[in-house]
Amino acid sequence: QRLKAAVHYTVGCLCEEVEEDKGVQFSKQSIAAISEIAFRQCEIFAKDLEMFARHAKRATVTTEDVKLLARRSNSLLKYITQKSEELASSNMEQKEKKKKKSSTAKRERTPGEQEAAVTENEDSNMA
């Protein structure tokens, strides 16, 4: 129910923006109808994404599943692809920064500290 209320609230806010921008009015009934349709469509999308993942013999929905879902809307597919690439490059940059930090930290340690760190790491791997 809370999720449905959140969708209704968001649709109401979007309708207000359209009212200001385009100078049109939305009745409460039309906002409720749009909210219901949006909620039902999201349920359909969720089921489709689940089925795409299951068809690929996976338990996790991936960005490729989302792209497959959005394939009929060129602009949405383009947007999702762009955001996906941005996230991927951002993740790669973060991984590289972590690698640099850890390699820099290893170089700054004395030989005795490095040996202790290796031993500590081996102990944690065995546990």
N, C-alpha and C. Protein backbone atom coordinates (compact mmCIF):
# COMPACT_ATOMS: atom_id res chain seq x y z
N GLN A 1 0.82 -1.20 0.00
CA GLN A 1 0.00 0.00 0.00
C GLN A 1 0.87 1.26 0.00
N ARG A 2 1.97 1.22 0.78
CA ARG A 2 2.86 2.38 0.83
C ARG A 2 3.48 2.64 -0.53
N LEU A 3 3.83 1.57 -1.23
CA LEU A 3 4.42 1.72 -2.56
C LEU A 3 3.41 2.33 -3.53
N LYS A 4 2.18 1.86 -3.45
CA LYS A 4 1.12 2.39 -4.31
C LYS A 4 0.89 3.88 -4.01
N ALA A 5 0.93 4.23 -2.72
CA ALA A 5 0.75 5.63 -2.33
C ALA A 5 1.90 6.48 -2.85
N ALA A 6 3.11 5.93 -2.81
CA ALA A 6 4.28 6.66 -3.31
C ALA A 6 4.17 6.90 -4.82
N VAL A 7 3.68 5.90 -5.54
CA VAL A 7 3.49 6.06 -6.98
C VAL A 7 2.43 7.13 -7.24
N HIS A 8 1.35 7.09 -6.48
CA HIS A 8 0.28 8.08 -6.64
C HIS A 8 0.81 9.50 -6.37
N TYR A 9 1.60 9.64 -5.32
CA TYR A 9 2.17 10.95 -4.98
C TYR A 9 3.08 11.45 -6.11
N THR A 10 3.94 10.57 -6.61
CA THR A 10 4.88 10.94 -7.67
C THR A 10 4.13 11.33 -8.95
N VAL A 11 3.11 10.57 -9.30
CA VAL A 11 2.30 10.90 -10.48
C VAL A 11 1.64 12.26 -10.28
N GLY A 12 1.15 12.52 -9.08
CA GLY A 12 0.55 13.82 -8.79
C GLY A 12 1.54 14.95 -8.98
N CYS A 13 2.76 14.76 -8.50
CA CYS A 13 3.81 15.78 -8.66
C CYS A 13 4.14 16.01 -10.13
N LEU A 14 4.24 14.93 -10.88
CA LEU A 14 4.53 15.04 -12.31
C LEU A 14 3.39 15.75 -13.05
N CYS A 15 2.16 15.44 -12.66
CA CYS A 15 1.02 16.11 -13.29
C CYS A 15 1.02 17.60 -12.98
N GLU A 16 1.41 17.96 -11.76
CA GLU A 16 1.51 19.38 -11.41
C GLU A 16 2.54 20.09 -12.29
N GLU A 17 3.68 19.42 -12.52
CA GLU A 17 4.71 20.00 -13.39
C GLU A 17 4.18 20.21 -14.80
N VAL A 18 3.43 19.23 -15.30
CA VAL A 18 2.87 19.33 -16.65
C VAL A 18 1.83 20.45 -16.68
N GLU A 19 1.04 20.56 -15.61
CA GLU A 19 0.04 21.63 -15.54
C GLU A 19 0.69 23.00 -15.67
N GLU A 20 1.78 23.19 -14.93
CA GLU A 20 2.49 24.47 -14.97
C GLU A 20 3.14 24.71 -16.33
N ASP A 21 3.73 23.67 -16.88
CA ASP A 21 4.46 23.79 -18.14
C ASP A 21 3.53 23.96 -19.34
N LYS A 22 2.48 23.16 -19.38
CA LYS A 22 1.60 23.14 -20.57
C LYS A 22 0.29 23.91 -20.38
N GLY A 23 0.01 24.30 -19.14
CA GLY A 23 -1.23 25.04 -18.90
C GLY A 23 -2.48 24.20 -19.01
N VAL A 24 -2.37 22.91 -18.67
CA VAL A 24 -3.55 22.03 -18.67
C VAL A 24 -3.88 21.64 -17.24
N GLN A 25 -5.08 21.11 -17.03
CA GLN A 25 -5.51 20.69 -15.70
C GLN A 25 -5.76 19.19 -15.68
N PHE A 26 -5.43 18.55 -14.55
CA PHE A 26 -5.71 17.12 -14.35
C PHE A 26 -6.70 17.00 -13.20
N SER A 27 -7.75 16.24 -13.42
CA SER A 27 -8.69 15.99 -12.32
C SER A 27 -8.09 14.94 -11.39
N LYS A 28 -8.63 14.86 -10.19
CA LYS A 28 -8.15 13.86 -9.23
C LYS A 28 -8.38 12.45 -9.76
N GLN A 29 -9.48 12.27 -10.48
CA GLN A 29 -9.77 10.95 -11.04
C GLN A 29 -8.75 10.57 -12.12
N SER A 30 -8.35 11.55 -12.94
CA SER A 30 -7.37 11.23 -13.99
C SER A 30 -6.00 10.93 -13.37
N ILE A 31 -5.63 11.64 -12.32
CA ILE A 31 -4.37 11.36 -11.63
C ILE A 31 -4.41 9.96 -11.02
N ALA A 32 -5.55 9.61 -10.42
CA ALA A 32 -5.71 8.27 -9.83
C ALA A 32 -5.62 7.19 -10.91
N ALA A 33 -6.23 7.44 -12.07
CA ALA A 33 -6.20 6.47 -13.16
C ALA A 33 -4.77 6.30 -13.70
N ILE A 34 -4.07 7.41 -13.88
CA ILE A 34 -2.68 7.35 -14.36
C ILE A 34 -1.82 6.59 -13.35
N SER A 35 -2.04 6.85 -12.07
CA SER A 35 -1.28 6.17 -11.01
C SER A 35 -1.51 4.67 -11.05
N GLU A 36 -2.77 4.28 -11.21
CA GLU A 36 -3.11 2.85 -11.25
C GLU A 36 -2.48 2.18 -12.46
N ILE A 37 -2.55 2.83 -13.60
CA ILE A 37 -1.95 2.28 -14.82
C ILE A 37 -0.43 2.15 -14.67
N ALA A 38 0.19 3.19 -14.11
CA ALA A 38 1.65 3.16 -13.92
C ALA A 38 2.04 2.03 -12.97
N PHE A 39 1.28 1.86 -11.89
CA PHE A 39 1.58 0.80 -10.92
C PHE A 39 1.45 -0.57 -11.57
N ARG A 40 0.36 -0.78 -12.30
CA ARG A 40 0.16 -2.07 -12.97
C ARG A 40 1.25 -2.34 -14.01
N GLN A 41 1.66 -1.30 -14.73
CA GLN A 41 2.71 -1.47 -15.73
C GLN A 41 4.03 -1.84 -15.06
N CYS A 42 4.31 -1.25 -13.91
CA CYS A 42 5.53 -1.60 -13.17
C CYS A 42 5.50 -3.06 -12.71
N GLU A 43 4.32 -3.54 -12.32
CA GLU A 43 4.19 -4.95 -11.95
C GLU A 43 4.49 -5.85 -13.15
N ILE A 44 4.00 -5.47 -14.31
CA ILE A 44 4.25 -6.23 -15.54
C ILE A 44 5.74 -6.21 -15.86
N PHE A 45 6.36 -5.02 -15.75
CA PHE A 45 7.80 -4.91 -16.01
C PHE A 45 8.59 -5.82 -15.07
N ALA A 46 8.22 -5.84 -13.80
CA ALA A 46 8.93 -6.66 -12.82
C ALA A 46 8.84 -8.15 -13.18
N LYS A 47 7.65 -8.59 -13.57
CA LYS A 47 7.47 -9.99 -13.97
C LYS A 47 8.27 -10.31 -15.23
N ASP A 48 8.26 -9.38 -16.20
CA ASP A 48 9.02 -9.60 -17.43
C ASP A 48 10.52 -9.70 -17.13
N LEU A 49 11.03 -8.80 -16.28
CA LEU A 49 12.45 -8.83 -15.94
C LEU A 49 12.81 -10.15 -15.26
N GLU A 50 11.94 -10.61 -14.38
CA GLU A 50 12.17 -11.90 -13.72
C GLU A 50 12.23 -13.03 -14.74
N MET A 51 11.32 -13.00 -15.70
CA MET A 51 11.28 -14.05 -16.72
C MET A 51 12.50 -13.99 -17.64
N PHE A 52 12.96 -12.79 -17.98
CA PHE A 52 14.15 -12.67 -18.82
C PHE A 52 15.35 -13.30 -18.11
N ALA A 53 15.50 -12.99 -16.83
CA ALA A 53 16.62 -13.55 -16.06
C ALA A 53 16.49 -15.07 -15.95
N ARG A 54 15.29 -15.55 -15.66
CA ARG A 54 15.07 -16.99 -15.52
C ARG A 54 15.34 -17.70 -16.85
N HIS A 55 14.94 -17.09 -17.96
CA HIS A 55 15.18 -17.68 -19.27
C HIS A 55 16.69 -17.83 -19.53
N ALA A 56 17.47 -16.88 -19.01
CA ALA A 56 18.93 -16.94 -19.16
C ALA A 56 19.57 -17.80 -18.06
N LYS A 57 18.71 -18.49 -17.29
CA LYS A 57 19.16 -19.37 -16.20
C LYS A 57 19.96 -18.61 -15.14
N ARG A 58 19.46 -17.42 -14.82
CA ARG A 58 20.06 -16.59 -13.78
C ARG A 58 19.01 -16.29 -12.72
N ALA A 59 19.48 -16.01 -11.51
CA ALA A 59 18.58 -15.61 -10.43
C ALA A 59 18.56 -14.09 -10.27
N THR A 60 19.47 -13.41 -10.94
CA THR A 60 19.62 -11.96 -10.79
C THR A 60 19.28 -11.25 -12.10
N VAL A 61 18.51 -10.17 -11.98
CA VAL A 61 18.19 -9.34 -13.14
C VAL A 61 19.41 -8.45 -13.43
N THR A 62 19.81 -8.38 -14.68
CA THR A 62 20.97 -7.57 -15.07
C THR A 62 20.53 -6.38 -15.93
N THR A 63 21.50 -5.51 -16.20
CA THR A 63 21.20 -4.36 -17.06
C THR A 63 20.79 -4.82 -18.46
N GLU A 64 21.31 -5.93 -18.89
CA GLU A 64 20.93 -6.45 -20.22
C GLU A 64 19.44 -6.80 -20.25
N ASP A 65 18.91 -7.31 -19.13
CA ASP A 65 17.48 -7.60 -19.05
C ASP A 65 16.67 -6.31 -19.15
N VAL A 66 17.15 -5.27 -18.47
CA VAL A 66 16.45 -3.98 -18.48
C VAL A 66 16.48 -3.39 -19.89
N LYS A 67 17.61 -3.53 -20.57
CA LYS A 67 17.71 -3.04 -21.95
C LYS A 67 16.75 -3.80 -22.87
N LEU A 68 16.64 -5.10 -22.64
CA LEU A 68 15.71 -5.91 -23.43
C LEU A 68 14.27 -5.44 -23.20
N LEU A 69 13.94 -5.12 -21.96
CA LEU A 69 12.61 -4.63 -21.63
C LEU A 69 12.32 -3.29 -22.32
N ALA A 70 13.34 -2.44 -22.42
CA ALA A 70 13.17 -1.08 -22.97
C ALA A 70 13.37 -1.02 -24.48
N ARG A 71 13.53 -2.15 -25.13
CA ARG A 71 13.90 -2.18 -26.55
C ARG A 71 12.90 -1.48 -27.48
N ARG A 72 11.64 -1.37 -27.08
CA ARG A 72 10.63 -0.76 -27.96
C ARG A 72 10.62 0.76 -27.90
N SER A 73 11.30 1.32 -26.91
CA SER A 73 11.38 2.77 -26.80
C SER A 73 12.83 3.18 -27.04
N ASN A 74 13.11 3.69 -28.24
CA ASN A 74 14.48 4.03 -28.60
C ASN A 74 15.10 5.03 -27.63
N SER A 75 14.33 6.05 -27.24
CA SER A 75 14.88 7.06 -26.35
C SER A 75 15.18 6.48 -24.97
N LEU A 76 14.29 5.63 -24.47
CA LEU A 76 14.52 5.01 -23.16
C LEU A 76 15.70 4.05 -23.22
N LEU A 77 15.79 3.27 -24.28
CA LEU A 77 16.91 2.34 -24.45
C LEU A 77 18.23 3.10 -24.51
N LYS A 78 18.23 4.20 -25.24
CA LYS A 78 19.44 5.02 -25.36
C LYS A 78 19.85 5.57 -23.98
N TYR A 79 18.86 6.06 -23.22
CA TYR A 79 19.11 6.62 -21.89
C TYR A 79 19.66 5.54 -20.94
N ILE A 80 19.04 4.36 -20.93
CA ILE A 80 19.47 3.27 -20.06
C ILE A 80 20.88 2.82 -20.43
N THR A 81 21.16 2.71 -21.72
CA THR A 81 22.49 2.32 -22.18
C THR A 81 23.54 3.33 -21.74
N GLN A 82 23.22 4.61 -21.88
CA GLN A 82 24.14 5.67 -21.48
C GLN A 82 24.43 5.61 -19.98
N LYS A 83 23.37 5.48 -19.17
CA LYS A 83 23.54 5.42 -17.71
C LYS A 83 24.31 4.17 -17.31
N SER A 84 24.05 3.08 -17.98
CA SER A 84 24.74 1.83 -17.70
C SER A 84 26.24 1.96 -17.97
N GLU A 85 26.58 2.60 -19.08
CA GLU A 85 27.99 2.82 -19.41
C GLU A 85 28.66 3.76 -18.42
N GLU A 86 27.93 4.80 -17.99
CA GLU A 86 28.46 5.73 -16.98
C GLU A 86 28.75 5.01 -15.68
N LEU A 87 27.82 4.16 -15.24
CA LEU A 87 28.01 3.40 -14.00
C LEU A 87 29.19 2.44 -14.12
N ALA A 88 29.30 1.79 -15.26
CA ALA A 88 30.40 0.84 -15.48
C ALA A 88 31.75 1.55 -15.43
N SER A 89 31.86 2.71 -16.08
CA SER A 89 33.13 3.43 -16.07
C SER A 89 33.43 3.98 -14.68
N SER A 90 32.41 4.41 -13.96
CA SER A 90 32.58 4.90 -12.60
C SER A 90 33.07 3.77 -11.68
N ASN A 91 32.49 2.58 -11.85
CA ASN A 91 32.92 1.43 -11.05
C ASN A 91 34.36 1.05 -11.36
N MET A 92 34.76 1.13 -12.63
CA MET A 92 36.13 0.81 -13.01
C MET A 92 37.11 1.81 -12.38
N GLU A 93 36.73 3.10 -12.39
CA GLU A 93 37.59 4.12 -11.79
C GLU A 93 37.76 3.87 -10.29
N GLN A 94 36.69 3.50 -9.61
CA GLN A 94 36.76 3.24 -8.17
C GLN A 94 37.64 2.03 -7.89
N LYS A 95 37.53 0.99 -8.70
CA LYS A 95 38.37 -0.20 -8.52
C LYS A 95 39.84 0.15 -8.72
N GLU A 96 40.13 0.98 -9.74
CA GLU A 96 41.52 1.38 -9.99
C GLU A 96 42.07 2.19 -8.83
N LYS A 97 41.24 3.09 -8.27
CA LYS A 97 41.67 3.88 -7.12
C LYS A 97 41.98 2.99 -5.93
N LYS A 98 41.14 1.97 -5.69
CA LYS A 98 41.37 1.04 -4.59
C LYS A 98 42.67 0.27 -4.79
N LYS A 99 42.92 -0.15 -6.04
CA LYS A 99 44.15 -0.88 -6.34
C LYS A 99 45.38 0.00 -6.09
N LYS A 100 45.29 1.26 -6.54
CA LYS A 100 46.41 2.18 -6.34
C LYS A 100 46.65 2.42 -4.86
N LYS A 101 45.57 2.60 -4.09
CA LYS A 101 45.71 2.83 -2.65
C LYS A 101 46.36 1.63 -1.97
N SER A 102 45.89 0.43 -2.30
CA SER A 102 46.44 -0.76 -1.64
C SER A 102 47.89 -1.00 -2.06
N SER A 103 48.23 -0.75 -3.32
CA SER A 103 49.62 -0.96 -3.74
C SER A 103 50.52 0.12 -3.15
N THR A 104 50.01 1.35 -3.02
CA THR A 104 50.78 2.42 -2.39
C THR A 104 51.00 2.12 -0.92
N ALA A 105 49.97 1.63 -0.26
CA ALA A 105 50.08 1.29 1.16
C ALA A 105 51.08 0.17 1.36
N LYS A 106 51.10 -0.81 0.47
CA LYS A 106 52.05 -1.92 0.58
C LYS A 106 53.49 -1.43 0.42
N ARG A 107 53.71 -0.49 -0.53
CA ARG A 107 55.06 0.03 -0.75
C ARG A 107 55.54 0.84 0.43
N GLU A 108 54.62 1.50 1.15
CA GLU A 108 55.00 2.36 2.27
C GLU A 108 55.30 1.56 3.53
N ARG A 109 54.90 0.31 3.62
CA ARG A 109 55.14 -0.52 4.80
C ARG A 109 56.61 -0.96 4.85
N THR A 110 57.07 -1.16 6.05
CA THR A 110 58.40 -1.74 6.22
C THR A 110 58.29 -3.22 5.93
N PRO A 111 59.41 -3.90 5.64
CA PRO A 111 59.35 -5.34 5.36
C PRO A 111 58.66 -6.13 6.49
N GLY A 112 58.90 -5.75 7.73
CA GLY A 112 58.27 -6.44 8.86
C GLY A 112 56.76 -6.24 8.87
N GLU A 113 56.32 -5.02 8.53
CA GLU A 113 54.88 -4.74 8.49
C GLU A 113 54.22 -5.50 7.35
N GLN A 114 54.91 -5.61 6.21
CA GLN A 114 54.36 -6.34 5.07
C GLN A 114 54.17 -7.81 5.43
N GLU A 115 55.17 -8.39 6.10
CA GLU A 115 55.10 -9.79 6.50
C GLU A 115 53.93 -10.02 7.46
N ALA A 116 53.75 -9.08 8.41
CA ALA A 116 52.64 -9.19 9.37
C ALA A 116 51.30 -9.09 8.64
N ALA A 117 51.21 -8.22 7.65
CA ALA A 117 49.97 -8.06 6.89
C ALA A 117 49.66 -9.32 6.09
N VAL A 118 50.68 -9.94 5.49
CA VAL A 118 50.48 -11.17 4.73
C VAL A 118 50.03 -12.28 5.66
N THR A 119 50.65 -12.41 6.81
CA THR A 119 50.28 -13.41 7.78
C THR A 119 48.85 -13.21 8.25
N GLU A 120 48.50 -11.94 8.53
CA GLU A 120 47.15 -11.61 8.97
C GLU A 120 46.13 -11.97 7.89
N ASN A 121 46.46 -11.69 6.64
CA ASN A 121 45.58 -12.00 5.52
C ASN A 121 45.39 -13.51 5.38
N GLU A 122 46.48 -14.26 5.52
CA GLU A 122 46.41 -15.72 5.43
C GLU A 122 45.56 -16.29 6.55
N ASP A 123 45.71 -15.73 7.76
CA ASP A 123 44.92 -16.20 8.90
C ASP A 123 43.44 -15.95 8.67
N SER A 124 43.09 -14.79 8.12
CA SER A 124 41.67 -14.47 7.89
C SER A 124 41.10 -15.34 6.77
N ASN A 125 41.93 -15.74 5.79
CA ASN A 125 41.47 -16.61 4.72
C ASN A 125 41.21 -18.02 5.22
N MET A 126 41.96 -18.46 6.21
CA MET A 126 41.81 -19.80 6.75
C MET A 126 40.58 -19.90 7.65
N ALA A 127 40.17 -18.78 8.24
CA ALA A 127 39.05 -18.81 9.19
C ALA A 127 37.72 -18.96 8.54
